[in-house]
Protein backbone atom coordinates (compact mmCIF):
# COMPACT_ATOMS: atom_id res chain seq x y z
CA MET A 1 -23.68 66.09 10.03
CA LEU A 2 -21.87 67.75 12.88
CA ALA A 3 -19.23 69.49 10.14
CA LYS A 4 -16.71 72.42 11.15
CA GLY A 5 -19.27 75.61 10.47
CA TYR A 6 -23.01 73.38 10.82
CA LYS A 7 -25.20 74.94 12.82
CA PHE A 8 -28.38 72.44 14.04
CA SER A 9 -31.22 74.38 13.98
CA LEU A 10 -35.59 73.30 13.82
CA PRO A 11 -38.19 75.47 12.79
CA ARG A 12 -40.07 77.31 15.07
CA PHE A 13 -42.60 75.05 15.26
CA TYR A 14 -40.68 72.75 16.74
CA TRP A 15 -39.91 73.73 19.59
CA LEU A 16 -43.95 75.36 20.45
CA LEU A 17 -43.77 71.51 20.16
CA PHE A 18 -41.09 70.56 22.47
CA ILE A 19 -43.08 72.81 25.23
CA PRO A 20 -46.04 69.99 25.88
CA ILE A 21 -43.97 66.94 25.17
CA PHE A 22 -41.67 68.51 28.28
CA VAL A 23 -44.93 69.23 30.55
CA GLY A 24 -46.33 65.96 30.19
CA THR A 25 -42.86 63.95 30.27
CA SER A 26 -42.11 66.08 32.93
CA TYR A 27 -45.34 65.33 35.06
CA LYS A 28 -45.41 61.92 34.21
CA ALA A 29 -41.45 61.41 35.92
CA LEU A 30 -42.24 63.60 38.69
CA PHE A 31 -45.59 62.06 40.24
CA PHE A 32 -45.41 59.11 38.42
CA ASP A 33 -41.84 57.29 37.97
CA TRP A 34 -40.03 58.76 41.32
CA HIS A 35 -43.32 59.25 44.14
CA ILE A 36 -41.96 62.78 44.19
CA GLN A 37 -44.11 63.69 46.52
CA THR A 38 -43.22 61.65 49.19
CA TYR A 39 -40.56 63.73 49.56
CA THR A 40 -39.43 66.95 51.44
CA PHE A 41 -37.58 69.53 50.16
CA HIS A 42 -35.65 70.45 53.23
CA GLU A 43 -32.21 68.84 51.93
CA LEU A 44 -30.00 70.23 49.20
CA GLU A 45 -30.16 66.21 47.99
CA ASP A 46 -33.97 67.47 47.15
CA PHE A 47 -32.76 70.07 45.09
CA GLY A 48 -30.93 68.06 43.10
CA ARG A 49 -32.88 65.07 42.70
CA TYR A 50 -35.67 68.11 40.97
CA VAL A 51 -32.92 68.85 38.83
CA ILE A 52 -32.10 65.78 38.30
CA ILE A 53 -35.20 64.47 37.02
CA LEU A 54 -36.32 67.91 35.13
CA ALA A 55 -32.99 67.18 33.15
CA THR A 56 -33.52 63.85 32.31
CA SER A 57 -36.89 64.75 31.11
CA PHE A 58 -35.37 67.17 28.92
CA ILE A 59 -33.87 64.97 26.77
CA GLU A 60 -36.35 62.85 26.59
CA ALA A 61 -38.37 65.60 25.39
CA PHE A 62 -35.58 66.30 22.45
CA PHE A 63 -35.57 62.59 21.59
CA TYR A 64 -39.24 62.66 20.94
CA LEU A 65 -39.47 65.19 19.36
CA LEU A 66 -36.33 64.61 17.33
CA ILE A 67 -38.43 61.01 16.75
CA PHE A 68 -41.27 63.31 15.43
CA ARG A 69 -38.65 65.39 13.44
CA LEU A 70 -37.38 61.98 11.94
CA ILE A 71 -41.02 60.54 10.62
CA VAL A 72 -42.29 64.03 9.21
CA TYR A 73 -38.69 63.74 7.28
CA LEU A 74 -39.17 60.11 6.49
CA LEU A 75 -43.38 61.18 5.26
CA GLN A 76 -41.49 63.85 3.42
CA LEU A 77 -39.90 62.16 1.32
CA VAL A 78 -42.37 59.32 1.00
CA PHE A 79 -45.22 61.34 -0.30
CA GLN A 80 -41.62 63.14 -2.71
CA LYS A 81 -41.56 59.92 -4.38
CA PHE A 82 -45.20 58.48 -5.15
CA THR A 83 -45.83 62.14 -6.40
CA ARG A 84 -42.98 62.02 -8.69
CA ASN A 85 -43.74 58.76 -10.03
CA ASN A 86 -47.69 59.63 -10.10
CA SER A 87 -46.96 62.59 -12.72
């Protein structure tokens, strides 16, 4: 929850997992969604386009990471309940 004094933290594994997710989403966005190979890099507008694409890819990768973290958390809850019921 967002409460005063709460510090958001993810284990190091998730940050290491973030890197390939970010690279994959950036690659997909740059070359397949935006067709960036048809643009040049001569104007400031083109640089801004690259920044926007990478920023949205960063946010998209972070959402994927949070969804993955939620799935792991829910699976942990299910397995904890399953082991408690069987013992």
